[in-house]
Amino acid sequence: MVVVHEMRRRAKALVGPLLGIALTGYFAYHLVEGDRGLNAWMRLNQQLQAATDTLATVEAERARLAYRVSQMQPDHVDPDLLDEQVRQVLDFVAPDEIVIMNPPPKR
């Protein structure tokens, strides 16, 4: 009887700290692995960085295309750009030029 009483007394003394450790472990796990934890935050930052890089690339391409379009306005046509377009679209070549044929790019 004394042994059972002593076991109950020690068990009551351990319940509080064990419950505290379990709760701390639960919250620590979800701090790292949860839906809004550190790993999810790092993944989101990586996705944001990739999207920012893609945006910079697309903006540069858009600026390049906007410049080319501005050079093809009816009131002001860039002669070099016009010559490039004529050669590319109509396959014109000057008599003294050497043509090197490249295979078409694979998509």
N, C-alpha and C. Protein backbone atom coordinates (compact mmCIF):
# COMPACT_ATOMS: atom_id res chain seq x y z
N MET A 1 0.82 -1.18 0.00
CA MET A 1 0.00 0.00 0.00
C MET A 1 0.87 1.25 0.00
N VAL A 2 1.94 1.21 0.73
CA VAL A 2 2.83 2.35 0.81
C VAL A 2 3.51 2.58 -0.53
N VAL A 3 3.81 1.50 -1.21
CA VAL A 3 4.49 1.60 -2.51
C VAL A 3 3.56 2.25 -3.53
N VAL A 4 2.29 1.85 -3.53
CA VAL A 4 1.33 2.41 -4.48
C VAL A 4 1.14 3.90 -4.18
N HIS A 5 1.05 4.26 -2.93
CA HIS A 5 0.88 5.66 -2.54
C HIS A 5 2.10 6.48 -2.99
N GLU A 6 3.27 5.93 -2.80
CA GLU A 6 4.51 6.62 -3.21
C GLU A 6 4.56 6.78 -4.73
N MET A 7 4.13 5.77 -5.49
CA MET A 7 4.12 5.83 -6.95
C MET A 7 3.15 6.91 -7.44
N ARG A 8 1.98 7.00 -6.81
CA ARG A 8 1.00 8.02 -7.18
C ARG A 8 1.53 9.43 -6.89
N ARG A 9 2.19 9.58 -5.76
CA ARG A 9 2.74 10.88 -5.41
C ARG A 9 3.81 11.30 -6.41
N ARG A 10 4.68 10.39 -6.81
CA ARG A 10 5.73 10.71 -7.79
C ARG A 10 5.13 10.94 -9.18
N ALA A 11 4.09 10.17 -9.51
CA ALA A 11 3.44 10.35 -10.81
C ALA A 11 2.80 11.73 -10.89
N LYS A 12 2.16 12.16 -9.79
CA LYS A 12 1.56 13.51 -9.77
C LYS A 12 2.63 14.58 -9.92
N ALA A 13 3.79 14.35 -9.34
CA ALA A 13 4.88 15.31 -9.43
C ALA A 13 5.46 15.36 -10.85
N LEU A 14 5.36 14.27 -11.61
CA LEU A 14 5.93 14.20 -12.97
C LEU A 14 4.96 14.65 -14.05
N VAL A 15 3.66 14.63 -13.77
CA VAL A 15 2.66 14.95 -14.80
C VAL A 15 2.84 16.37 -15.31
N GLY A 16 3.02 17.35 -14.46
CA GLY A 16 3.17 18.75 -14.86
C GLY A 16 4.37 18.97 -15.77
N PRO A 17 5.58 18.56 -15.34
CA PRO A 17 6.74 18.75 -16.20
C PRO A 17 6.65 17.97 -17.52
N LEU A 18 6.12 16.73 -17.47
CA LEU A 18 5.99 15.96 -18.71
C LEU A 18 5.00 16.62 -19.67
N LEU A 19 3.92 17.13 -19.13
CA LEU A 19 2.94 17.84 -19.97
C LEU A 19 3.58 19.11 -20.56
N GLY A 20 4.36 19.82 -19.77
CA GLY A 20 5.06 21.01 -20.26
C GLY A 20 6.06 20.68 -21.36
N ILE A 21 6.81 19.59 -21.18
CA ILE A 21 7.77 19.16 -22.19
C ILE A 21 7.04 18.75 -23.47
N ALA A 22 5.93 18.04 -23.33
CA ALA A 22 5.17 17.61 -24.50
C ALA A 22 4.62 18.83 -25.26
N LEU A 23 4.08 19.80 -24.56
CA LEU A 23 3.56 21.00 -25.22
C LEU A 23 4.68 21.78 -25.88
N THR A 24 5.81 21.91 -25.21
CA THR A 24 6.95 22.62 -25.79
C THR A 24 7.43 21.90 -27.05
N GLY A 25 7.50 20.58 -27.01
CA GLY A 25 7.89 19.80 -28.19
C GLY A 25 6.92 19.97 -29.34
N TYR A 26 5.63 19.97 -29.02
CA TYR A 26 4.59 20.16 -30.04
C TYR A 26 4.75 21.50 -30.74
N PHE A 27 4.88 22.56 -29.94
CA PHE A 27 5.00 23.90 -30.53
C PHE A 27 6.33 24.08 -31.25
N ALA A 28 7.40 23.48 -30.74
CA ALA A 28 8.70 23.58 -31.40
C ALA A 28 8.66 22.87 -32.76
N TYR A 29 8.02 21.71 -32.81
CA TYR A 29 7.89 20.98 -34.08
C TYR A 29 7.13 21.81 -35.10
N HIS A 30 6.01 22.38 -34.70
CA HIS A 30 5.20 23.17 -35.63
C HIS A 30 5.85 24.52 -35.97
N LEU A 31 6.73 25.00 -35.12
CA LEU A 31 7.49 26.20 -35.44
C LEU A 31 8.40 25.95 -36.64
N VAL A 32 8.93 24.75 -36.73
CA VAL A 32 9.85 24.41 -37.81
C VAL A 32 9.11 23.80 -39.00
N GLU A 33 8.27 22.82 -38.77
CA GLU A 33 7.66 22.03 -39.84
C GLU A 33 6.23 22.40 -40.19
N GLY A 34 5.62 23.31 -39.50
CA GLY A 34 4.20 23.62 -39.72
C GLY A 34 3.94 24.34 -41.03
N ASP A 35 2.66 24.57 -41.31
CA ASP A 35 2.26 25.25 -42.55
C ASP A 35 2.83 26.66 -42.62
N ARG A 36 3.03 27.29 -41.50
CA ARG A 36 3.60 28.63 -41.46
C ARG A 36 4.92 28.63 -40.69
N GLY A 37 5.60 27.50 -40.71
CA GLY A 37 6.85 27.36 -39.97
C GLY A 37 8.05 27.89 -40.73
N LEU A 38 9.22 27.64 -40.17
CA LEU A 38 10.46 28.15 -40.76
C LEU A 38 10.74 27.53 -42.13
N ASN A 39 10.49 26.24 -42.29
CA ASN A 39 10.73 25.60 -43.59
C ASN A 39 9.80 26.17 -44.65
N ALA A 40 8.55 26.39 -44.32
CA ALA A 40 7.60 26.98 -45.27
C ALA A 40 8.02 28.41 -45.61
N TRP A 41 8.51 29.14 -44.63
CA TRP A 41 8.96 30.51 -44.86
C TRP A 41 10.16 30.54 -45.80
N MET A 42 11.09 29.61 -45.61
CA MET A 42 12.27 29.54 -46.48
C MET A 42 11.86 29.16 -47.91
N ARG A 43 10.95 28.20 -48.04
CA ARG A 43 10.46 27.81 -49.36
C ARG A 43 9.78 28.98 -50.06
N LEU A 44 9.00 29.73 -49.31
CA LEU A 44 8.32 30.90 -49.87
C LEU A 44 9.32 31.96 -50.31
N ASN A 45 10.37 32.17 -49.54
CA ASN A 45 11.41 33.12 -49.93
C ASN A 45 12.12 32.68 -51.21
N GLN A 46 12.37 31.39 -51.35
CA GLN A 46 13.00 30.88 -52.57
C GLN A 46 12.09 31.08 -53.78
N GLN A 47 10.81 30.82 -53.60
CA GLN A 47 9.86 31.03 -54.70
C GLN A 47 9.78 32.51 -55.06
N LEU A 48 9.81 33.37 -54.05
CA LEU A 48 9.77 34.81 -54.29
C LEU A 48 11.01 35.26 -55.05
N GLN A 49 12.17 34.73 -54.68
CA GLN A 49 13.41 35.08 -55.38
C GLN A 49 13.36 34.61 -56.83
N ALA A 50 12.86 33.40 -57.07
CA ALA A 50 12.75 32.89 -58.44
C ALA A 50 11.77 33.74 -59.25
N ALA A 51 10.67 34.13 -58.64
CA ALA A 51 9.69 34.97 -59.34
C ALA A 51 10.27 36.35 -59.63
N THR A 52 11.06 36.89 -58.72
CA THR A 52 11.70 38.18 -58.94
C THR A 52 12.70 38.11 -60.09
N ASP A 53 13.46 37.02 -60.14
CA ASP A 53 14.41 36.83 -61.25
C ASP A 53 13.67 36.72 -62.58
N THR A 54 12.58 35.97 -62.59
CA THR A 54 11.79 35.83 -63.81
C THR A 54 11.21 37.18 -64.23
N LEU A 55 10.74 37.94 -63.26
CA LEU A 55 10.19 39.27 -63.56
C LEU A 55 11.25 40.16 -64.19
N ALA A 56 12.46 40.13 -63.65
CA ALA A 56 13.53 40.96 -64.20
C ALA A 56 13.84 40.55 -65.63
N THR A 57 13.86 39.25 -65.91
CA THR A 57 14.11 38.77 -67.26
C THR A 57 13.00 39.21 -68.22
N VAL A 58 11.77 39.06 -67.78
CA VAL A 58 10.64 39.43 -68.63
C VAL A 58 10.61 40.94 -68.86
N GLU A 59 10.91 41.73 -67.84
CA GLU A 59 10.93 43.18 -68.01
C GLU A 59 12.02 43.61 -68.98
N ALA A 60 13.18 42.95 -68.92
CA ALA A 60 14.26 43.27 -69.86
C ALA A 60 13.84 42.93 -71.29
N GLU A 61 13.22 41.77 -71.46
CA GLU A 61 12.75 41.37 -72.79
C GLU A 61 11.67 42.34 -73.29
N ARG A 62 10.80 42.76 -72.40
CA ARG A 62 9.75 43.70 -72.79
C ARG A 62 10.34 45.04 -73.20
N ALA A 63 11.35 45.51 -72.46
CA ALA A 63 12.00 46.77 -72.80
C ALA A 63 12.69 46.66 -74.16
N ARG A 64 13.31 45.51 -74.42
CA ARG A 64 13.97 45.31 -75.71
C ARG A 64 12.96 45.34 -76.84
N LEU A 65 11.83 44.65 -76.64
CA LEU A 65 10.80 44.63 -77.67
C LEU A 65 10.15 46.01 -77.84
N ALA A 66 9.96 46.72 -76.74
CA ALA A 66 9.37 48.06 -76.83
C ALA A 66 10.30 48.99 -77.61
N TYR A 67 11.60 48.86 -77.42
CA TYR A 67 12.55 49.67 -78.18
C TYR A 67 12.47 49.34 -79.67
N ARG A 68 12.40 48.06 -79.98
CA ARG A 68 12.31 47.67 -81.40
C ARG A 68 11.03 48.17 -82.03
N VAL A 69 9.94 48.12 -81.30
CA VAL A 69 8.66 48.62 -81.82
C VAL A 69 8.74 50.13 -82.01
N SER A 70 9.35 50.83 -81.07
CA SER A 70 9.45 52.28 -81.20
C SER A 70 10.30 52.67 -82.41
N GLN A 71 11.24 51.82 -82.79
CA GLN A 71 12.08 52.11 -83.95
C GLN A 71 11.37 51.82 -85.27
N MET A 72 10.23 51.16 -85.23
CA MET A 72 9.49 50.81 -86.45
C MET A 72 8.26 51.70 -86.63
N GLN A 73 8.20 52.82 -85.97
CA GLN A 73 7.07 53.75 -86.13
C GLN A 73 7.08 54.31 -87.55
N PRO A 74 5.91 54.57 -88.12
CA PRO A 74 5.85 55.07 -89.50
C PRO A 74 6.56 56.40 -89.72
N ASP A 75 6.57 57.27 -88.72
CA ASP A 75 7.21 58.57 -88.91
C ASP A 75 8.73 58.50 -88.74
N HIS A 76 9.23 57.44 -88.11
CA HIS A 76 10.67 57.29 -87.93
C HIS A 76 11.02 55.80 -87.98
N VAL A 77 11.65 55.42 -89.08
CA VAL A 77 12.05 54.02 -89.23
C VAL A 77 13.57 53.95 -89.17
N ASP A 78 14.07 53.11 -88.30
CA ASP A 78 15.52 52.92 -88.20
C ASP A 78 15.99 52.11 -89.41
N PRO A 79 16.90 52.64 -90.21
CA PRO A 79 17.31 51.92 -91.42
C PRO A 79 17.97 50.58 -91.13
N ASP A 80 18.75 50.49 -90.07
CA ASP A 80 19.40 49.23 -89.74
C ASP A 80 18.37 48.17 -89.35
N LEU A 81 17.40 48.56 -88.56
CA LEU A 81 16.36 47.62 -88.14
C LEU A 81 15.51 47.20 -89.33
N LEU A 82 15.22 48.13 -90.21
CA LEU A 82 14.45 47.81 -91.42
C LEU A 82 15.22 46.83 -92.28
N ASP A 83 16.51 47.08 -92.46
CA ASP A 83 17.35 46.18 -93.25
C ASP A 83 17.39 44.79 -92.63
N GLU A 84 17.51 44.73 -91.31
CA GLU A 84 17.53 43.44 -90.61
C GLU A 84 16.22 42.68 -90.82
N GLN A 85 15.10 43.38 -90.70
CA GLN A 85 13.80 42.74 -90.87
C GLN A 85 13.59 42.26 -92.30
N VAL A 86 14.00 43.07 -93.26
CA VAL A 86 13.85 42.66 -94.67
C VAL A 86 14.68 41.43 -94.94
N ARG A 87 15.90 41.41 -94.49
CA ARG A 87 16.77 40.24 -94.70
C ARG A 87 16.20 38.99 -94.01
N GLN A 88 15.67 39.18 -92.82
CA GLN A 88 15.16 38.03 -92.07
C GLN A 88 13.86 37.49 -92.66
N VAL A 89 12.94 38.36 -92.97
CA VAL A 89 11.62 37.92 -93.43
C VAL A 89 11.65 37.49 -94.89
N LEU A 90 12.32 38.26 -95.72
CA LEU A 90 12.30 37.99 -97.16
C LEU A 90 13.50 37.19 -97.65
N ASP A 91 14.43 36.86 -96.77
CA ASP A 91 15.64 36.11 -97.12
C ASP A 91 16.45 36.81 -98.20
N PHE A 92 16.60 38.12 -98.10
CA PHE A 92 17.44 38.87 -99.03
C PHE A 92 18.87 38.88 -98.53
N VAL A 93 19.80 38.83 -99.50
CA VAL A 93 21.22 38.86 -99.19
C VAL A 93 21.89 39.74 -100.22
N ALA A 94 22.87 40.51 -99.77
CA ALA A 94 23.63 41.33 -100.71
C ALA A 94 24.56 40.43 -101.53
N PRO A 95 24.91 40.83 -102.75
CA PRO A 95 25.73 39.97 -103.62
C PRO A 95 27.11 39.66 -103.05
N ASP A 96 27.66 40.53 -102.26
CA ASP A 96 29.02 40.30 -101.76
C ASP A 96 29.05 39.66 -100.36
N GLU A 97 27.94 39.19 -99.86
CA GLU A 97 27.88 38.60 -98.53
C GLU A 97 28.02 37.08 -98.59
N ILE A 98 28.54 36.53 -97.51
CA ILE A 98 28.66 35.08 -97.36
C ILE A 98 27.59 34.65 -96.36
N VAL A 99 26.82 33.64 -96.71
CA VAL A 99 25.72 33.17 -95.88
C VAL A 99 26.13 31.88 -95.20
N ILE A 100 26.00 31.83 -93.90
CA ILE A 100 26.26 30.63 -93.13
C ILE A 100 24.92 30.17 -92.57
N MET A 101 24.50 29.00 -92.99
CA MET A 101 23.20 28.48 -92.58
C MET A 101 23.32 27.75 -91.23
N ASN A 102 22.50 28.13 -90.29
CA ASN A 102 22.42 27.49 -88.99
C ASN A 102 21.15 26.67 -88.92
N PRO A 103 21.18 25.52 -88.24
CA PRO A 103 19.93 24.76 -88.11
C PRO A 103 18.95 25.55 -87.24
N PRO A 104 17.65 25.35 -87.46
CA PRO A 104 16.67 26.08 -86.66
C PRO A 104 16.76 25.67 -85.20
N PRO A 105 16.50 26.59 -84.28
CA PRO A 105 16.58 26.26 -82.85
C PRO A 105 15.50 25.25 -82.47
N LYS A 106 15.90 24.33 -81.60
CA LYS A 106 14.93 23.32 -81.12
C LYS A 106 14.11 23.91 -79.99
N ARG A 107 12.86 23.58 -79.96
CA ARG A 107 11.97 24.11 -78.91
C ARG A 107 11.66 23.05 -77.91
